[in-house]
Amino acid sequence: MMKFAIIEKIAKTRFVRKAIDDRADLSAFRQKPTPRILLGIFLIAFSYVIAWPAIGALGILSVYMEKPLILIIGGPLTYVLSHLVFLLGMVLAGADYTIIFLRWAARVTVEKYIPPGKPTESGRS
């Protein structure tokens, strides 16, 4: 299957192999986060909320008003705004929390989709 081939390829990257070997978890989040880190995490999550729903709404609006320029111009601008909000959230949350979260997410995703009994390059199955 194509999906498993892609996951297997991702599982062979150094980043994911190390995350699996280290059993990457979210234990660093047990410490009480500062308001700055909370704001950063909120902005990262909010960037996902504003991106595609807003672009979808612009698409519906452009069809309803019969003005395709609303989507042609507003779609990319909304996407850029969403990306800038994401980047600001990363800066505020700090690279440490971002890497911790990405390592955990990579490990969980690969472990979920690798077929049982199929070893990764690190030797784990």
Protein backbone atom coordinates (compact mmCIF):
# COMPACT_ATOMS: atom_id res chain seq x y z
CA MET A 1 0.00 0.00 0.00
CA MET A 2 1.17 3.52 -0.76
CA LYS A 3 0.28 4.85 2.71
CA PHE A 4 2.48 2.28 4.45
CA ALA A 5 5.34 2.91 2.02
CA ILE A 6 5.31 6.61 2.91
CA ILE A 7 5.11 5.88 6.65
CA GLU A 8 7.95 3.37 6.35
CA LYS A 9 10.07 5.95 4.55
CA ILE A 10 9.32 8.52 7.28
CA ALA A 11 10.08 5.91 9.96
CA LYS A 12 13.60 5.49 8.55
CA THR A 13 14.56 9.14 9.07
CA ARG A 14 17.03 9.87 11.86
CA PHE A 15 14.56 12.21 13.61
CA VAL A 16 11.81 9.57 13.86
CA ARG A 17 14.17 6.68 14.67
CA LYS A 18 15.63 8.67 17.57
CA ALA A 19 12.14 9.65 18.77
CA ILE A 20 11.10 5.97 18.78
CA ASP A 21 14.32 4.78 20.44
CA ASP A 22 14.06 7.48 23.13
CA ARG A 23 10.32 6.78 23.61
CA ALA A 24 9.69 10.51 23.13
CA ASP A 25 6.89 11.68 25.40
CA LEU A 26 5.34 14.87 26.68
CA SER A 27 6.79 14.69 30.20
CA ALA A 28 8.36 18.14 29.80
CA PHE A 29 4.85 19.56 29.76
CA ARG A 30 4.35 18.47 33.39
CA GLN A 31 6.06 21.65 34.55
CA LYS A 32 3.74 24.60 34.85
CA PRO A 33 4.12 26.57 31.60
CA THR A 34 4.64 30.30 31.65
CA PRO A 35 1.99 32.62 30.18
CA ARG A 36 4.31 33.19 27.20
CA ILE A 37 4.46 29.45 26.45
CA LEU A 38 0.69 29.10 26.84
CA LEU A 39 0.13 31.99 24.44
CA GLY A 40 2.53 30.39 21.96
CA ILE A 41 0.77 27.02 22.12
CA PHE A 42 -2.60 28.77 21.76
CA LEU A 43 -1.37 30.65 18.67
CA ILE A 44 -0.04 27.44 17.11
CA ALA A 45 -3.41 25.75 17.60
CA PHE A 46 -5.31 28.87 16.50
CA SER A 47 -3.31 29.04 13.26
CA TYR A 48 -4.87 25.74 12.22
CA VAL A 49 -8.34 26.99 13.07
CA ILE A 50 -8.05 30.15 10.99
CA ALA A 51 -6.39 28.67 7.92
CA TRP A 52 -8.63 26.26 6.07
CA PRO A 53 -12.00 27.19 7.57
CA ALA A 54 -11.40 30.83 6.63
CA ILE A 55 -10.31 29.87 3.13
CA GLY A 56 -13.40 27.67 2.81
CA ALA A 57 -15.58 30.56 3.95
CA LEU A 58 -13.90 32.85 1.42
CA GLY A 59 -14.61 30.26 -1.28
CA ILE A 60 -18.28 30.08 -0.35
CA LEU A 61 -18.48 33.87 -0.20
CA SER A 62 -16.81 34.26 -3.61
CA VAL A 63 -19.26 31.80 -5.19
CA TYR A 64 -22.25 33.42 -3.48
CA MET A 65 -21.21 36.94 -4.52
CA GLU A 66 -19.93 35.75 -7.92
CA LYS A 67 -16.59 37.49 -7.29
CA PRO A 68 -13.76 34.95 -7.72
CA LEU A 69 -11.15 37.56 -6.75
CA ILE A 70 -12.32 37.23 -3.14
CA LEU A 71 -10.88 33.71 -3.06
CA ILE A 72 -8.04 34.33 -5.51
CA ILE A 73 -6.65 37.17 -3.38
CA GLY A 74 -8.10 36.39 0.04
CA GLY A 75 -7.16 32.69 0.08
CA PRO A 76 -3.38 33.14 -0.16
CA LEU A 77 -3.49 36.16 2.16
CA THR A 78 -5.39 34.15 4.77
CA TYR A 79 -2.95 31.27 4.40
CA VAL A 80 0.03 33.63 4.84
CA LEU A 81 -1.62 35.17 7.90
CA SER A 82 -2.19 31.71 9.35
CA HIS A 83 1.44 30.80 8.73
CA LEU A 84 2.65 34.00 10.41
CA VAL A 85 0.45 33.26 13.44
CA PHE A 86 1.94 29.74 13.57
CA LEU A 87 5.48 31.11 13.42
CA LEU A 88 4.75 33.66 16.15
CA GLY A 89 3.36 30.83 18.28
CA MET A 90 6.54 28.82 17.71
CA VAL A 91 8.69 31.77 18.73
CA LEU A 92 6.64 32.36 21.88
CA ALA A 93 6.40 28.67 22.85
CA GLY A 94 10.09 28.23 22.25
CA ALA A 95 11.97 25.74 20.17
CA ASP A 96 12.29 23.28 23.05
CA TYR A 97 8.54 22.77 23.45
CA THR A 98 8.05 22.67 19.69
CA ILE A 99 10.70 19.94 19.23
CA ILE A 100 9.36 17.95 22.19
CA PHE A 101 5.87 18.03 20.70
CA LEU A 102 7.04 17.20 17.15
CA ARG A 103 9.16 14.24 18.38
CA TRP A 104 6.21 12.85 20.33
CA ALA A 105 3.82 13.36 17.40
CA ALA A 106 6.25 11.67 14.98
CA ARG A 107 6.73 8.67 17.28
CA VAL A 108 3.01 8.21 17.94
CA THR A 109 2.08 8.58 14.27
CA VAL A 110 4.68 6.13 13.00
CA GLU A 111 3.92 3.59 15.74
CA LYS A 112 0.23 3.83 14.91
CA TYR A 113 0.60 3.25 11.18
CA ILE A 114 3.50 0.81 10.93
CA PRO A 115 1.92 -2.63 10.53
CA PRO A 116 2.39 -4.85 13.63
CA GLY A 117 5.51 -6.99 13.41
CA LYS A 118 7.05 -4.74 10.77
CA PRO A 119 10.38 -3.53 12.20
CA THR A 120 11.62 -0.01 11.65
CA GLU A 121 15.25 0.61 10.79
CA SER A 122 16.04 1.10 14.49
CA GLY A 123 15.14 -2.51 15.13
CA ARG A 124 11.91 -1.85 17.05
CA SER A 125 8.73 -3.46 15.86
